[in-house]
């Protein structure tokens, strides 16, 4: 316990010193993504990517872009609406109300003519392969 307390005290002192000399700024990795998106001609996003990625698509996960948090959507896409959204194996994890909220968020930030592709497992027709 003493070691943990000592480490916390040293971290606090270091942060205090860095703030005093204006060397510590709040870093938000979302800023990098937002800057990248504004540089793209087309903005295509994978929600709930879970490690999946495709050329010219921006992969996100729940910690970065929560389908149900309108604030997340506004942060990224208010100034640069989406051309396309891909959601594979995401919607089946939402209840009815959450699915409606997620759909509303997606359609709010799609460009006119933009599209969303939602793919869910089909329990009635399982893959035989």
N, C-alpha and C. Protein backbone atom coordinates (compact mmCIF):
# COMPACT_ATOMS: atom_id res chain seq x y z
N UNK A 1 0.82 -1.20 0.00
CA UNK A 1 0.00 0.00 0.00
C UNK A 1 0.86 1.27 0.00
N UNK A 2 1.97 1.19 0.74
CA UNK A 2 2.87 2.33 0.81
C UNK A 2 3.46 2.66 -0.56
N UNK A 3 3.82 1.62 -1.31
CA UNK A 3 4.39 1.83 -2.65
C UNK A 3 3.37 2.50 -3.56
N UNK A 4 2.13 2.03 -3.53
CA UNK A 4 1.08 2.62 -4.37
C UNK A 4 0.86 4.08 -3.98
N UNK A 5 0.83 4.36 -2.70
CA UNK A 5 0.65 5.72 -2.22
C UNK A 5 1.81 6.62 -2.67
N UNK A 6 3.02 6.12 -2.60
CA UNK A 6 4.19 6.88 -3.03
C UNK A 6 4.15 7.18 -4.53
N UNK A 7 3.76 6.19 -5.31
CA UNK A 7 3.66 6.38 -6.76
C UNK A 7 2.60 7.43 -7.08
N UNK A 8 1.43 7.35 -6.44
CA UNK A 8 0.36 8.33 -6.69
C UNK A 8 0.82 9.74 -6.32
N UNK A 9 1.53 9.86 -5.21
CA UNK A 9 2.03 11.17 -4.77
C UNK A 9 3.01 11.73 -5.79
N UNK A 10 3.90 10.90 -6.30
CA UNK A 10 4.87 11.37 -7.29
C UNK A 10 4.19 11.77 -8.59
N UNK A 11 3.18 10.99 -9.02
CA UNK A 11 2.44 11.34 -10.24
C UNK A 11 1.74 12.68 -10.07
N UNK A 12 1.12 12.88 -8.91
CA UNK A 12 0.42 14.13 -8.64
C UNK A 12 1.39 15.31 -8.67
N UNK A 13 2.54 15.14 -8.05
CA UNK A 13 3.55 16.21 -8.05
C UNK A 13 4.05 16.51 -9.46
N UNK A 14 4.28 15.47 -10.24
CA UNK A 14 4.74 15.66 -11.62
C UNK A 14 3.69 16.41 -12.44
N UNK A 15 2.44 15.99 -12.34
CA UNK A 15 1.37 16.69 -13.08
C UNK A 15 1.28 18.15 -12.66
N UNK A 16 1.41 18.39 -11.37
CA UNK A 16 1.35 19.75 -10.85
C UNK A 16 2.48 20.60 -11.44
N UNK A 17 3.67 20.05 -11.46
CA UNK A 17 4.82 20.75 -12.01
C UNK A 17 4.63 21.02 -13.51
N UNK A 18 4.15 20.03 -14.25
CA UNK A 18 3.94 20.21 -15.69
C UNK A 18 2.87 21.25 -15.96
N UNK A 19 1.79 21.25 -15.18
CA UNK A 19 0.74 22.26 -15.35
C UNK A 19 1.28 23.66 -15.05
N UNK A 20 2.09 23.76 -14.00
CA UNK A 20 2.66 25.05 -13.61
C UNK A 20 3.44 25.67 -14.76
N UNK A 21 4.14 24.86 -15.49
CA UNK A 21 4.96 25.35 -16.60
C UNK A 21 4.25 25.19 -17.95
N UNK A 22 2.95 24.93 -17.89
CA UNK A 22 2.12 24.80 -19.09
C UNK A 22 2.65 23.75 -20.07
N UNK A 23 3.15 22.65 -19.54
CA UNK A 23 3.68 21.57 -20.38
C UNK A 23 2.71 20.41 -20.48
N UNK A 24 1.62 20.48 -19.74
CA UNK A 24 0.66 19.39 -19.75
C UNK A 24 -0.65 19.91 -20.32
N UNK A 25 -1.05 19.37 -21.44
CA UNK A 25 -2.36 19.73 -21.99
C UNK A 25 -3.19 18.47 -22.01
N UNK A 26 -4.45 18.62 -21.95
CA UNK A 26 -5.33 17.46 -22.01
C UNK A 26 -5.29 16.90 -23.43
N UNK A 27 -4.83 15.68 -23.55
CA UNK A 27 -4.78 15.03 -24.86
C UNK A 27 -6.01 14.17 -25.03
N UNK A 28 -6.68 14.36 -26.11
CA UNK A 28 -7.87 13.56 -26.43
C UNK A 28 -7.62 12.89 -27.77
N UNK A 29 -7.47 11.55 -27.79
CA UNK A 29 -7.18 10.87 -29.06
C UNK A 29 -8.27 11.08 -30.09
N UNK A 30 -9.46 11.49 -29.65
CA UNK A 30 -10.54 11.75 -30.61
C UNK A 30 -10.20 12.94 -31.50
N UNK A 31 -9.36 13.85 -31.01
CA UNK A 31 -8.96 15.00 -31.82
C UNK A 31 -8.25 14.56 -33.09
N UNK A 32 -7.40 13.53 -32.98
CA UNK A 32 -6.69 13.01 -34.15
C UNK A 32 -7.66 12.47 -35.18
N UNK A 33 -8.65 11.73 -34.73
CA UNK A 33 -9.64 11.16 -35.64
C UNK A 33 -10.46 12.26 -36.30
N UNK A 34 -10.88 13.23 -35.53
CA UNK A 34 -11.68 14.32 -36.09
C UNK A 34 -10.87 15.09 -37.13
N UNK A 35 -9.60 15.35 -36.87
CA UNK A 35 -8.74 16.04 -37.83
C UNK A 35 -8.58 15.21 -39.10
N UNK A 36 -8.40 13.91 -38.95
CA UNK A 36 -8.26 13.02 -40.10
C UNK A 36 -9.53 13.05 -40.94
N UNK A 37 -10.68 12.97 -40.31
CA UNK A 37 -11.94 12.93 -41.06
C UNK A 37 -12.17 14.20 -41.87
N UNK A 38 -11.80 15.33 -41.31
CA UNK A 38 -12.02 16.57 -42.05
C UNK A 38 -11.14 16.66 -43.29
N UNK A 39 -10.07 15.86 -43.33
CA UNK A 39 -9.18 15.87 -44.49
C UNK A 39 -9.64 14.90 -45.59
N UNK A 40 -10.65 14.10 -45.33
CA UNK A 40 -11.10 13.09 -46.28
C UNK A 40 -12.22 13.61 -47.18
N UNK A 41 -12.18 13.23 -48.44
CA UNK A 41 -13.26 13.62 -49.36
C UNK A 41 -14.55 12.90 -48.98
N UNK A 42 -14.44 11.62 -48.68
CA UNK A 42 -15.60 10.83 -48.25
C UNK A 42 -15.31 10.29 -46.85
N UNK A 43 -16.32 10.36 -46.00
CA UNK A 43 -16.17 9.85 -44.65
C UNK A 43 -17.05 8.62 -44.50
N UNK A 44 -16.37 7.48 -44.35
CA UNK A 44 -17.07 6.20 -44.17
C UNK A 44 -16.59 5.57 -42.88
N UNK A 45 -17.53 5.20 -42.03
CA UNK A 45 -17.21 4.76 -40.68
C UNK A 45 -17.75 3.36 -40.41
N UNK A 46 -16.92 2.55 -39.75
CA UNK A 46 -17.35 1.25 -39.25
C UNK A 46 -17.63 1.44 -37.76
N UNK A 47 -18.87 1.20 -37.32
CA UNK A 47 -19.17 1.28 -35.89
C UNK A 47 -19.03 -0.12 -35.29
N UNK A 48 -18.48 -0.17 -34.09
CA UNK A 48 -18.27 -1.47 -33.45
C UNK A 48 -17.33 -2.35 -34.23
N UNK A 49 -16.25 -1.79 -34.73
CA UNK A 49 -15.34 -2.50 -35.65
C UNK A 49 -14.69 -3.71 -35.01
N UNK A 50 -14.40 -3.64 -33.73
CA UNK A 50 -13.80 -4.77 -33.02
C UNK A 50 -12.61 -5.37 -33.77
N UNK A 51 -11.74 -4.50 -34.25
CA UNK A 51 -10.54 -4.97 -34.93
C UNK A 51 -10.66 -5.08 -36.44
N UNK A 52 -11.87 -5.00 -36.98
CA UNK A 52 -12.06 -5.05 -38.44
C UNK A 52 -11.65 -3.72 -39.04
N UNK A 53 -11.06 -3.77 -40.22
CA UNK A 53 -10.75 -2.53 -40.93
C UNK A 53 -10.78 -2.79 -42.43
N UNK A 54 -11.17 -1.76 -43.15
CA UNK A 54 -11.22 -1.82 -44.61
C UNK A 54 -10.58 -0.55 -45.15
N UNK A 55 -9.96 -0.65 -46.30
CA UNK A 55 -9.30 0.51 -46.92
C UNK A 55 -10.32 1.65 -47.07
N UNK A 56 -9.90 2.84 -46.69
CA UNK A 56 -10.69 4.07 -46.79
C UNK A 56 -11.90 4.11 -45.87
N UNK A 57 -11.95 3.23 -44.87
CA UNK A 57 -13.00 3.25 -43.85
C UNK A 57 -12.36 3.55 -42.51
N UNK A 58 -13.04 4.27 -41.66
CA UNK A 58 -12.55 4.60 -40.33
C UNK A 58 -13.19 3.63 -39.34
N UNK A 59 -12.35 2.83 -38.69
CA UNK A 59 -12.84 1.84 -37.72
C UNK A 59 -12.99 2.49 -36.35
N UNK A 60 -14.14 2.32 -35.71
CA UNK A 60 -14.37 2.85 -34.37
C UNK A 60 -14.88 1.72 -33.47
N UNK A 61 -14.77 1.95 -32.17
CA UNK A 61 -15.36 1.03 -31.21
C UNK A 61 -16.21 1.84 -30.23
N UNK A 62 -16.85 1.15 -29.31
CA UNK A 62 -17.80 1.81 -28.41
C UNK A 62 -17.17 2.92 -27.58
N UNK A 63 -15.91 2.73 -27.17
CA UNK A 63 -15.26 3.74 -26.35
C UNK A 63 -15.04 5.04 -27.14
N UNK A 64 -14.90 4.93 -28.43
CA UNK A 64 -14.66 6.10 -29.27
C UNK A 64 -15.98 6.70 -29.78
N UNK A 65 -16.85 5.85 -30.26
CA UNK A 65 -18.11 6.29 -30.84
C UNK A 65 -19.22 5.36 -30.36
N UNK A 66 -19.94 5.82 -29.35
CA UNK A 66 -21.04 5.04 -28.79
C UNK A 66 -22.29 5.33 -29.62
N UNK A 67 -22.88 4.29 -30.17
CA UNK A 67 -24.08 4.44 -31.01
C UNK A 67 -25.20 5.21 -30.30
N UNK A 68 -25.25 5.12 -28.99
CA UNK A 68 -26.37 5.68 -28.24
C UNK A 68 -26.10 7.09 -27.70
N UNK A 69 -24.90 7.58 -27.84
CA UNK A 69 -24.55 8.90 -27.31
C UNK A 69 -24.52 9.95 -28.43
N UNK A 70 -25.54 10.76 -28.47
CA UNK A 70 -25.63 11.78 -29.51
C UNK A 70 -24.44 12.74 -29.44
N UNK A 71 -23.92 12.96 -28.25
CA UNK A 71 -22.74 13.84 -28.09
C UNK A 71 -21.53 13.30 -28.84
N UNK A 72 -21.34 11.99 -28.83
CA UNK A 72 -20.23 11.39 -29.59
C UNK A 72 -20.39 11.68 -31.07
N UNK A 73 -21.59 11.50 -31.58
CA UNK A 73 -21.86 11.73 -33.01
C UNK A 73 -21.64 13.19 -33.37
N UNK A 74 -22.15 14.09 -32.53
CA UNK A 74 -21.99 15.52 -32.81
C UNK A 74 -20.52 15.91 -32.79
N UNK A 75 -19.75 15.38 -31.86
CA UNK A 75 -18.34 15.71 -31.75
C UNK A 75 -17.60 15.44 -33.06
N UNK A 76 -17.87 14.30 -33.65
CA UNK A 76 -17.15 13.92 -34.87
C UNK A 76 -17.78 14.45 -36.16
N UNK A 77 -19.09 14.42 -36.25
CA UNK A 77 -19.73 14.54 -37.56
C UNK A 77 -20.60 15.77 -37.77
N UNK A 78 -20.68 16.65 -36.79
CA UNK A 78 -21.52 17.84 -36.97
C UNK A 78 -21.01 18.70 -38.12
N UNK A 79 -19.71 18.82 -38.25
CA UNK A 79 -19.15 19.66 -39.32
C UNK A 79 -18.79 18.85 -40.57
N UNK A 80 -18.82 17.53 -40.48
CA UNK A 80 -18.45 16.68 -41.62
C UNK A 80 -19.35 15.44 -41.61
N UNK A 81 -20.55 15.56 -42.20
CA UNK A 81 -21.49 14.42 -42.20
C UNK A 81 -20.92 13.20 -42.93
N UNK A 82 -21.50 12.07 -42.66
CA UNK A 82 -21.01 10.78 -43.16
C UNK A 82 -21.56 10.42 -44.53
N UNK A 83 -20.72 9.80 -45.31
CA UNK A 83 -21.15 9.24 -46.60
C UNK A 83 -21.71 7.83 -46.40
N UNK A 84 -21.14 7.09 -45.46
CA UNK A 84 -21.57 5.71 -45.25
C UNK A 84 -21.23 5.24 -43.84
N UNK A 85 -22.08 4.35 -43.34
CA UNK A 85 -21.87 3.72 -42.03
C UNK A 85 -22.01 2.23 -42.21
N UNK A 86 -21.10 1.47 -41.63
CA UNK A 86 -21.15 0.02 -41.66
C UNK A 86 -21.26 -0.48 -40.22
N UNK A 87 -22.28 -1.28 -39.94
CA UNK A 87 -22.48 -1.84 -38.60
C UNK A 87 -22.73 -3.34 -38.75
N UNK A 88 -21.68 -4.13 -38.59
CA UNK A 88 -21.81 -5.58 -38.69
C UNK A 88 -21.72 -6.19 -37.30
N UNK A 89 -22.68 -7.00 -36.97
CA UNK A 89 -22.73 -7.69 -35.68
C UNK A 89 -22.72 -6.71 -34.52
N UNK A 90 -23.51 -5.65 -34.66
CA UNK A 90 -23.66 -4.65 -33.61
C UNK A 90 -25.12 -4.58 -33.15
N UNK A 91 -26.03 -4.47 -34.09
CA UNK A 91 -27.44 -4.24 -33.77
C UNK A 91 -28.05 -5.36 -32.93
N UNK A 92 -27.58 -6.57 -33.08
CA UNK A 92 -28.18 -7.67 -32.32
C UNK A 92 -27.89 -7.55 -30.82
N UNK A 93 -26.99 -6.66 -30.44
CA UNK A 93 -26.68 -6.45 -29.02
C UNK A 93 -27.51 -5.34 -28.40
N UNK A 94 -28.39 -4.73 -29.18
CA UNK A 94 -29.21 -3.61 -28.71
C UNK A 94 -30.65 -4.08 -28.48
N UNK A 95 -31.27 -3.53 -27.43
CA UNK A 95 -32.70 -3.80 -27.27
C UNK A 95 -33.47 -2.87 -28.22
N UNK A 96 -34.79 -3.02 -28.26
CA UNK A 96 -35.61 -2.28 -29.22
C UNK A 96 -35.41 -0.76 -29.10
N UNK A 97 -35.49 -0.23 -27.88
CA UNK A 97 -35.34 1.21 -27.68
C UNK A 97 -33.95 1.69 -28.09
N UNK A 98 -32.93 0.96 -27.70
CA UNK A 98 -31.55 1.34 -28.04
C UNK A 98 -31.33 1.29 -29.56
N UNK A 99 -31.93 0.32 -30.22
CA UNK A 99 -31.80 0.21 -31.68
C UNK A 99 -32.40 1.44 -32.36
N UNK A 100 -33.52 1.93 -31.85
CA UNK A 100 -34.14 3.13 -32.42
C UNK A 100 -33.27 4.36 -32.20
N UNK A 101 -32.69 4.50 -31.00
CA UNK A 101 -31.80 5.62 -30.71
C UNK A 101 -30.58 5.56 -31.63
N UNK A 102 -30.00 4.39 -31.77
CA UNK A 102 -28.82 4.21 -32.63
C UNK A 102 -29.14 4.58 -34.08
N UNK A 103 -30.28 4.10 -34.56
CA UNK A 103 -30.68 4.41 -35.95
C UNK A 103 -30.87 5.92 -36.13
N UNK A 104 -31.50 6.57 -35.15
CA UNK A 104 -31.71 8.02 -35.24
C UNK A 104 -30.38 8.76 -35.29
N UNK A 105 -29.43 8.35 -34.45
CA UNK A 105 -28.10 8.99 -34.46
C UNK A 105 -27.42 8.80 -35.81
N UNK A 106 -27.48 7.59 -36.35
CA UNK A 106 -26.86 7.33 -37.65
C UNK A 106 -27.47 8.20 -38.75
N UNK A 107 -28.79 8.22 -38.83
CA UNK A 107 -29.44 8.96 -39.91
C UNK A 107 -29.32 10.47 -39.74
N UNK A 108 -29.19 10.94 -38.51
CA UNK A 108 -29.00 12.37 -38.28
C UNK A 108 -27.69 12.85 -38.89
N UNK A 109 -26.65 12.02 -38.84
CA UNK A 109 -25.33 12.45 -39.29
C UNK A 109 -24.92 11.89 -40.65
N UNK A 110 -25.84 11.29 -41.36
CA UNK A 110 -25.58 10.86 -42.74
C UNK A 110 -25.84 12.02 -43.69
N UNK A 111 -25.02 12.14 -44.72
CA UNK A 111 -25.28 13.12 -45.78
C UNK A 111 -26.54 12.71 -46.53
N UNK A 112 -27.20 13.64 -47.18
CA UNK A 112 -28.28 13.23 -48.09
C UNK A 112 -27.68 12.29 -49.15
N UNK A 113 -28.30 11.17 -49.36
CA UNK A 113 -27.77 10.18 -50.30
C UNK A 113 -26.79 9.21 -49.66
N UNK A 114 -26.44 9.45 -48.38
CA UNK A 114 -25.55 8.53 -47.67
C UNK A 114 -26.30 7.25 -47.34
N UNK A 115 -25.56 6.24 -46.91
CA UNK A 115 -26.22 4.96 -46.61
C UNK A 115 -25.63 4.31 -45.37
N UNK A 116 -26.43 3.43 -44.80
CA UNK A 116 -25.99 2.62 -43.68
C UNK A 116 -26.24 1.16 -44.02
N UNK A 117 -25.27 0.32 -43.72
CA UNK A 117 -25.41 -1.13 -43.92
C UNK A 117 -25.36 -1.77 -42.54
N UNK A 118 -26.44 -2.46 -42.19
CA UNK A 118 -26.52 -3.17 -40.91
C UNK A 118 -26.60 -4.65 -41.22
N UNK A 119 -25.67 -5.42 -40.66
CA UNK A 119 -25.67 -6.87 -40.87
C UNK A 119 -25.74 -7.54 -39.50
N UNK A 120 -26.68 -8.45 -39.36
CA UNK A 120 -26.83 -9.21 -38.12
C UNK A 120 -26.88 -10.70 -38.46
N UNK A 121 -26.52 -11.55 -37.50
CA UNK A 121 -26.61 -13.00 -37.77
C UNK A 121 -28.07 -13.39 -38.00
N UNK A 122 -28.27 -14.36 -38.83
CA UNK A 122 -29.61 -14.86 -39.13
C UNK A 122 -29.80 -16.21 -38.44
N UNK A 123 -30.45 -16.19 -37.30
CA UNK A 123 -30.67 -17.41 -36.53
C UNK A 123 -31.56 -18.42 -37.22
N UNK A 124 -32.38 -17.98 -38.17
CA UNK A 124 -33.29 -18.89 -38.87
C UNK A 124 -32.61 -19.59 -40.03
N UNK A 125 -31.51 -19.04 -40.50
CA UNK A 125 -30.78 -19.62 -41.63
C UNK A 125 -29.28 -19.66 -41.32
N UNK A 126 -28.88 -20.49 -40.35
CA UNK A 126 -27.45 -20.51 -39.99
C UNK A 126 -26.58 -20.98 -41.14
N UNK A 127 -25.35 -20.50 -41.14
CA UNK A 127 -24.36 -20.87 -42.15
C UNK A 127 -24.01 -22.34 -41.99
N UNK A 128 -24.17 -23.12 -43.06
CA UNK A 128 -23.87 -24.55 -43.00
C UNK A 128 -22.38 -24.84 -43.17
N UNK A 129 -21.63 -23.82 -43.56
CA UNK A 129 -20.19 -23.98 -43.83
C UNK A 129 -19.44 -23.92 -42.60
